[in-house]
PDB file of N, CA and C in Angstrom:
ATOM      1  N   UNK A   1     -15.613  -4.826 -21.258  1.00  0.00           N
ATOM      2  CA  UNK A   1     -16.918  -4.905 -20.534  1.00  0.00           C
ATOM      3  C   UNK A   1     -16.727  -4.405 -18.998  1.00  0.00           C
ATOM      4  N   UNK A   2     -17.571  -3.785 -18.779  1.00  0.00           N
ATOM      5  CA  UNK A   2     -17.662  -3.222 -17.227  1.00  0.00           C
ATOM      6  C   UNK A   2     -18.807  -3.934 -16.635  1.00  0.00           C
ATOM      7  N   UNK A   3     -18.697  -4.372 -15.448  1.00  0.00           N
ATOM      8  CA  UNK A   3     -19.998  -5.005 -14.699  1.00  0.00           C
ATOM      9  C   UNK A   3     -20.417  -4.102 -13.643  1.00  0.00           C
ATOM     10  N   UNK A   4     -21.602  -3.627 -13.622  1.00  0.00           N
ATOM     11  CA  UNK A   4     -22.272  -2.858 -12.790  1.00  0.00           C
ATOM     12  C   UNK A   4     -23.541  -3.613 -12.245  1.00  0.00           C
ATOM     13  N   UNK A   5     -23.492  -3.776 -10.897  1.00  0.00           N
ATOM     14  CA  UNK A   5     -24.622  -4.614 -10.248  1.00  0.00           C
ATOM     15  C   UNK A   5     -24.962  -5.826 -11.057  1.00  0.00           C
ATOM     16  N   UNK A   6     -24.043  -6.548 -11.287  1.00  0.00           N
ATOM     17  CA  UNK A   6     -24.111  -8.059 -11.935  1.00  0.00           C
ATOM     18  C   UNK A   6     -24.702  -7.768 -13.300  1.00  0.00           C
ATOM     19  N   UNK A   7     -24.479  -6.724 -14.068  1.00  0.00           N
ATOM     20  CA  UNK A   7     -24.961  -6.674 -15.417  1.00  0.00           C
ATOM     21  C   UNK A   7     -23.779  -6.067 -16.023  1.00  0.00           C
ATOM     22  N   UNK A   8     -23.448  -6.542 -17.418  1.00  0.00           N
ATOM     23  CA  UNK A   8     -22.179  -6.167 -18.119  1.00  0.00           C
ATOM     24  C   UNK A   8     -22.615  -5.124 -19.203  1.00  0.00           C
ATOM     25  N   UNK A   9     -21.687  -4.112 -19.324  1.00  0.00           N
ATOM     26  CA  UNK A   9     -22.005  -3.030 -20.122  1.00  0.00           C
ATOM     27  C   UNK A   9     -20.623  -3.002 -21.072  1.00  0.00           C
ATOM     28  N   UNK A  10     -20.859  -2.412 -22.355  1.00  0.00           N
ATOM     29  CA  UNK A  10     -19.586  -2.196 -23.125  1.00  0.00           C
ATOM     30  C   UNK A  10     -19.263  -0.819 -22.905  1.00  0.00           C
ATOM     31  N   UNK A  11     -18.226  -0.331 -22.645  1.00  0.00           N
ATOM     32  CA  UNK A  11     -17.884   1.023 -22.685  1.00  0.00           C
ATOM     33  C   UNK A  11     -17.906   1.774 -23.680  1.00  0.00           C
ATOM     34  N   UNK A  12     -17.672   1.126 -24.695  1.00  0.00           N
ATOM     35  CA  UNK A  12     -17.670   1.843 -26.072  1.00  0.00           C
ATOM     36  C   UNK A  12     -19.074   2.377 -26.370  1.00  0.00           C
ATOM     37  N   UNK A  13     -20.082   1.714 -25.938  1.00  0.00           N
ATOM     38  CA  UNK A  13     -21.367   2.060 -26.152  1.00  0.00           C
ATOM     39  C   UNK A  13     -21.901   3.008 -25.228  1.00  0.00           C
ATOM     40  N   UNK A  14     -21.215   3.406 -24.222  1.00  0.00           N
ATOM     41  CA  UNK A  14     -21.511   4.553 -22.991  1.00  0.00           C
ATOM     42  C   UNK A  14     -21.412   5.862 -23.632  1.00  0.00           C
ATOM     43  N   UNK A  15     -21.914   6.869 -22.853  1.00  0.00           N
ATOM     44  CA  UNK A  15     -21.751   8.040 -23.316  1.00  0.00           C
ATOM     45  C   UNK A  15     -20.369   8.553 -22.706  1.00  0.00           C
ATOM     46  N   UNK A  16     -19.867   9.914 -23.430  1.00  0.00           N
ATOM     47  CA  UNK A  16     -18.660  10.395 -22.974  1.00  0.00           C
ATOM     48  C   UNK A  16     -18.565  10.635 -21.548  1.00  0.00           C
ATOM     49  N   UNK A  17     -19.644  11.125 -20.859  1.00  0.00           N
ATOM     50  CA  UNK A  17     -19.700  11.396 -19.375  1.00  0.00           C
ATOM     51  C   UNK A  17     -19.532   9.893 -18.731  1.00  0.00           C
ATOM     52  N   UNK A  18     -20.277   8.848 -18.980  1.00  0.00           N
ATOM     53  CA  UNK A  18     -20.006   7.602 -18.512  1.00  0.00           C
ATOM     54  C   UNK A  18     -18.508   7.061 -18.675  1.00  0.00           C
ATOM     55  N   UNK A  19     -17.982   7.397 -19.652  1.00  0.00           N
ATOM     56  CA  UNK A  19     -16.632   6.874 -20.014  1.00  0.00           C
ATOM     57  C   UNK A  19     -15.705   7.626 -19.086  1.00  0.00           C
ATOM     58  N   UNK A  20     -15.918   8.870 -18.965  1.00  0.00           N
ATOM     59  CA  UNK A  20     -15.157   9.582 -18.045  1.00  0.00           C
ATOM     60  C   UNK A  20     -15.311   9.139 -16.613  1.00  0.00           C
ATOM     61  N   UNK A  21     -16.411   8.965 -16.186  1.00  0.00           N
ATOM     62  CA  UNK A  21     -16.597   8.585 -14.715  1.00  0.00           C
ATOM     63  C   UNK A  21     -15.854   7.179 -14.545  1.00  0.00           C
ATOM     64  N   UNK A  22     -15.800   6.105 -15.695  1.00  0.00           N
ATOM     65  CA  UNK A  22     -15.101   5.065 -15.641  1.00  0.00           C
ATOM     66  C   UNK A  22     -13.651   5.361 -15.344  1.00  0.00           C
ATOM     67  N   UNK A  23     -13.121   6.207 -16.176  1.00  0.00           N
ATOM     68  CA  UNK A  23     -11.692   6.689 -16.042  1.00  0.00           C
ATOM     69  C   UNK A  23     -11.387   7.271 -14.574  1.00  0.00           C
ATOM     70  N   UNK A  24     -12.278   7.981 -14.121  1.00  0.00           N
ATOM     71  CA  UNK A  24     -12.158   8.615 -12.760  1.00  0.00           C
ATOM     72  C   UNK A  24     -12.191   7.610 -11.730  1.00  0.00           C
ATOM     73  N   UNK A  25     -12.980   6.449 -11.887  1.00  0.00           N
ATOM     74  CA  UNK A  25     -12.977   5.492 -10.906  1.00  0.00           C
ATOM     75  C   UNK A  25     -11.591   4.828 -11.003  1.00  0.00           C
ATOM     76  N   UNK A  26     -11.285   4.419 -12.197  1.00  0.00           N
ATOM     77  CA  UNK A  26      -9.933   3.749 -12.379  1.00  0.00           C
ATOM     78  C   UNK A  26      -8.857   4.441 -11.752  1.00  0.00           C
ATOM     79  N   UNK A  27      -8.924   5.665 -11.924  1.00  0.00           N
ATOM     80  CA  UNK A  27      -7.822   6.676 -11.409  1.00  0.00           C
ATOM     81  C   UNK A  27      -7.803   6.867  -9.819  1.00  0.00           C
ATOM     82  N   UNK A  28      -8.948   6.748  -9.378  1.00  0.00           N
ATOM     83  CA  UNK A  28      -9.138   6.754  -7.739  1.00  0.00           C
ATOM     84  C   UNK A  28      -8.578   5.321  -7.283  1.00  0.00           C
ATOM     85  N   UNK A  29      -8.909   4.316  -7.916  1.00  0.00           N
ATOM     86  CA  UNK A  29      -8.322   3.071  -7.554  1.00  0.00           C
ATOM     87  C   UNK A  29      -6.863   2.926  -7.583  1.00  0.00           C
ATOM     88  N   UNK A  30      -6.331   3.487  -8.521  1.00  0.00           N
ATOM     89  CA  UNK A  30      -4.783   3.573  -8.707  1.00  0.00           C
ATOM     90  C   UNK A  30      -4.267   4.338  -7.601  1.00  0.00           C
ATOM     91  N   UNK A  31      -4.766   5.494  -7.349  1.00  0.00           N
ATOM     92  CA  UNK A  31      -4.245   6.356  -6.320  1.00  0.00           C
ATOM     93  C   UNK A  31      -4.289   5.734  -4.872  1.00  0.00           C
ATOM     94  N   UNK A  32      -5.395   5.001  -4.670  1.00  0.00           N
ATOM     95  CA  UNK A  32      -5.797   4.372  -3.414  1.00  0.00           C
ATOM     96  C   UNK A  32      -4.592   3.205  -3.102  1.00  0.00           C
ATOM     97  N   UNK A  33      -4.243   2.571  -4.389  1.00  0.00           N
ATOM     98  CA  UNK A  33      -3.312   1.527  -4.244  1.00  0.00           C
ATOM     99  C   UNK A  33      -1.954   2.162  -3.961  1.00  0.00           C
ATOM    100  N   UNK A  34      -1.637   3.112  -4.658  1.00  0.00           N
ATOM    101  CA  UNK A  34      -0.336   3.919  -4.465  1.00  0.00           C
ATOM    102  C   UNK A  34      -0.254   4.435  -2.886  1.00  0.00           C
ATOM    103  N   UNK A  35      -1.342   4.997  -2.504  1.00  0.00           N
ATOM    104  CA  UNK A  35      -1.392   5.572  -1.065  1.00  0.00           C
ATOM    105  C   UNK A  35      -1.140   4.263  -0.026  1.00  0.00           C
ATOM    106  N   UNK A  36      -1.741   3.215  -0.226  1.00  0.00           N
ATOM    107  CA  UNK A  36      -1.650   2.156   0.545  1.00  0.00           C
ATOM    108  C   UNK A  36      -0.158   1.684   0.542  1.00  0.00           C
ATOM    109  N   UNK A  37       0.564   1.573  -0.658  1.00  0.00           N
ATOM    110  CA  UNK A  37       1.950   1.262  -0.605  1.00  0.00           C
ATOM    111  C   UNK A  37       2.770   2.232   0.174  1.00  0.00           C
ATOM    112  N   UNK A  38       2.314   3.422   0.027  1.00  0.00           N
ATOM    113  CA  UNK A  38       3.200   4.631   0.660  1.00  0.00           C
ATOM    114  C   UNK A  38       3.036   4.506   2.227  1.00  0.00           C
ATOM    115  N   UNK A  39       1.851   4.244   2.713  1.00  0.00           N
ATOM    116  CA  UNK A  39       1.618   3.938   4.125  1.00  0.00           C
ATOM    117  C   UNK A  39       2.433   2.730   4.744  1.00  0.00           C
ATOM    118  N   UNK A  40       2.504   1.704   3.809  1.00  0.00           N
ATOM    119  CA  UNK A  40       3.525   0.490   4.164  1.00  0.00           C
ATOM    120  C   UNK A  40       4.922   0.807   4.356  1.00  0.00           C
ATOM    121  N   UNK A  41       5.355   1.799   3.281  1.00  0.00           N
ATOM    122  CA  UNK A  41       6.665   2.244   3.316  1.00  0.00           C
ATOM    123  C   UNK A  41       7.073   3.073   4.397  1.00  0.00           C
ATOM    124  N   UNK A  42       5.958   3.879   4.746  1.00  0.00           N
ATOM    125  CA  UNK A  42       6.146   4.862   5.928  1.00  0.00           C
ATOM    126  C   UNK A  42       6.365   4.023   7.277  1.00  0.00           C
ATOM    127  N   UNK A  43       5.488   3.011   7.295  1.00  0.00           N
ATOM    128  CA  UNK A  43       5.591   2.126   8.411  1.00  0.00           C
ATOM    129  C   UNK A  43       6.811   1.372   8.726  1.00  0.00           C
ATOM    130  N   UNK A  44       7.400   0.809   7.608  1.00  0.00           N
ATOM    131  CA  UNK A  44       8.655   0.049   7.589  1.00  0.00           C
ATOM    132  C   UNK A  44       9.749   1.217   8.003  1.00  0.00           C
ATOM    133  N   UNK A  45       9.691   2.337   7.567  1.00  0.00           N
ATOM    134  CA  UNK A  45      10.648   3.246   7.749  1.00  0.00           C
ATOM    135  C   UNK A  45      10.600   3.838   9.114  1.00  0.00           C
ATOM    136  N   UNK A  46       9.386   3.934   9.713  1.00  0.00           N
ATOM    137  CA  UNK A  46       9.148   4.395  11.144  1.00  0.00           C
ATOM    138  C   UNK A  46       9.680   3.388  12.144  1.00  0.00           C
ATOM    139  N   UNK A  47       9.449   2.185  11.812  1.00  0.00           N
ATOM    140  CA  UNK A  47       9.978   1.012  12.525  1.00  0.00           C
ATOM    141  C   UNK A  47      11.601   0.971  12.518  1.00  0.00           C
ATOM    142  N   UNK A  48      12.143   1.239  11.392  1.00  0.00           N
ATOM    143  CA  UNK A  48      13.640   1.392  11.288  1.00  0.00           C
ATOM    144  C   UNK A  48      14.016   2.536  12.094  1.00  0.00           C
ATOM    145  N   UNK A  49      13.542   3.612  12.000  1.00  0.00           N
ATOM    146  CA  UNK A  49      14.020   4.783  12.871  1.00  0.00           C
ATOM    147  C   UNK A  49      13.862   4.585  14.214  1.00  0.00           C
ATOM    148  N   UNK A  50      12.748   3.818  14.523  1.00  0.00           N
ATOM    149  CA  UNK A  50      12.526   3.685  16.004  1.00  0.00           C
ATOM    150  C   UNK A  50      13.786   2.518  16.532  1.00  0.00           C
ATOM    151  N   UNK A  51      13.888   1.596  15.777  1.00  0.00           N
ATOM    152  CA  UNK A  51      14.907   0.519  16.165  1.00  0.00           C
ATOM    153  C   UNK A  51      16.301   1.417  16.217  1.00  0.00           C
ATOM    154  N   UNK A  52      16.476   2.267  15.367  1.00  0.00           N
ATOM    155  CA  UNK A  52      17.943   3.065  15.297  1.00  0.00           C
ATOM    156  C   UNK A  52      18.164   3.692  16.449  1.00  0.00           C
ATOM    157  N   UNK A  53      16.939   4.489  16.975  1.00  0.00           N
ATOM    158  CA  UNK A  53      16.963   5.293  18.165  1.00  0.00           C
ATOM    159  C   UNK A  53      17.224   4.512  19.315  1.00  0.00           C
ATOM    160  N   UNK A  54      16.547   3.330  19.411  1.00  0.00           N
ATOM    161  CA  UNK A  54      16.562   2.507  20.676  1.00  0.00           C
ATOM    162  C   UNK A  54      18.057   1.911  20.708  1.00  0.00           C
ATOM    163  N   UNK A  55      18.582   1.615  19.690  1.00  0.00           N
ATOM    164  CA  UNK A  55      20.022   1.171  19.715  1.00  0.00           C
ATOM    165  C   UNK A  55      20.946   2.134  20.060  1.00  0.00           C
ATOM    166  N   UNK A  56      20.537   3.470  19.523  1.00  0.00           N
ATOM    167  CA  UNK A  56      21.519   4.587  19.853  1.00  0.00           C
ATOM    168  C   UNK A  56      21.501   4.895  21.319  1.00  0.00           C
ATOM    169  N   UNK A  57      20.236   4.825  21.868  1.00  0.00           N
ATOM    170  CA  UNK A  57      20.247   5.060  23.343  1.00  0.00           C
ATOM    171  C   UNK A  57      20.547   4.027  24.261  1.00  0.00           C
ATOM    172  N   UNK A  58      20.186   2.779  23.947  1.00  0.00           N
ATOM    173  CA  UNK A  58      20.396   1.661  24.845  1.00  0.00           C
ATOM    174  C   UNK A  58      21.667   0.889  24.484  1.00  0.00           C
ATOM    175  N   UNK A  59      22.111   1.002  23.257  1.00  0.00           N
ATOM    176  CA  UNK A  59      23.249   0.374  22.840  1.00  0.00           C
ATOM    177  C   UNK A  59      22.713  -1.140  22.278  1.00  0.00           C
ATOM    178  N   UNK A  60      23.629  -1.703  21.509  1.00  0.00           N
ATOM    179  CA  UNK A  60      23.282  -2.789  20.675  1.00  0.00           C
ATOM    180  C   UNK A  60      22.898  -3.996  21.742  1.00  0.00           C
ATOM    181  N   UNK A  61      22.020  -4.774  21.159  1.00  0.00           N
ATOM    182  CA  UNK A  61      21.655  -5.920  22.057  1.00  0.00           C
ATOM    183  C   UNK A  61      22.890  -6.904  22.238  1.00  0.00           C
ATOM    184  N   UNK A  62      23.288  -7.328  23.410  1.00  0.00           N
ATOM    185  CA  UNK A  62      24.368  -8.310  23.356  1.00  0.00           C
ATOM    186  C   UNK A  62      23.896  -9.584  22.720  1.00  0.00           C
ATOM    187  N   UNK A  63      25.074 -10.186  21.987  1.00  0.00           N
ATOM    188  CA  UNK A  63      24.670 -11.339  21.284  1.00  0.00           C
ATOM    189  C   UNK A  63      24.697 -12.559  22.315  1.00  0.00           C
ATOM    190  N   UNK A  64      23.883 -13.553  22.107  1.00  0.00           N
ATOM    191  CA  UNK A  64      23.989 -14.668  23.178  1.00  0.00           C
ATOM    192  C   UNK A  64      24.796 -15.917  22.395  1.00  0.00           C
ATOM    193  N   UNK A  65      25.631 -16.478  23.091  1.00  0.00           N
ATOM    194  CA  UNK A  65      26.224 -17.795  22.523  1.00  0.00           C
ATOM    195  C   UNK A  65      25.781 -18.953  23.536  1.00  0.00           C
ATOM    196  N   UNK A  66      25.384 -20.018  22.790  1.00  0.00           N
ATOM    197  CA  UNK A  66      24.971 -20.992  23.687  1.00  0.00           C
ATOM    198  C   UNK A  66      26.115 -22.070  23.894  1.00  0.00           C
ATOM    199  N   UNK A  67      26.581 -22.562  24.851  1.00  0.00           N
ATOM    200  CA  UNK A  67      27.531 -23.391  24.967  1.00  0.00           C
ATOM    201  C   UNK A  67      27.020 -24.765  25.360  1.00  0.00           C
ATOM    202  N   UNK A  68      27.521 -25.733  24.701  1.00  0.00           N
ATOM    203  CA  UNK A  68      27.148 -26.997  25.113  1.00  0.00           C
ATOM    204  C   UNK A  68      27.631 -27.625  26.361  1.00  0.00           C
ATOM    205  N   UNK A  69      26.740 -28.194  27.019  1.00  0.00           N
ATOM    206  CA  UNK A  69      26.950 -28.964  28.260  1.00  0.00           C
ATOM    207  C   UNK A  69      27.440 -28.297  29.314  1.00  0.00           C
TER     208      UNK A  69
END
């Protein structure tokens, strides 16, 4: 069943064109989800490349050691 404007429809009872449109919508949703994941991957990669450049230019951050008392 597919819901359109709060009304349920059986895709088996739809025309070939309507079934094709349903398949196109599903394909678009899938591509949008993949694109979103690709953007997340690119953002993480960008952050890592930026961190690597900063470390390369400025050197690694000195580690801090806390001394008691």
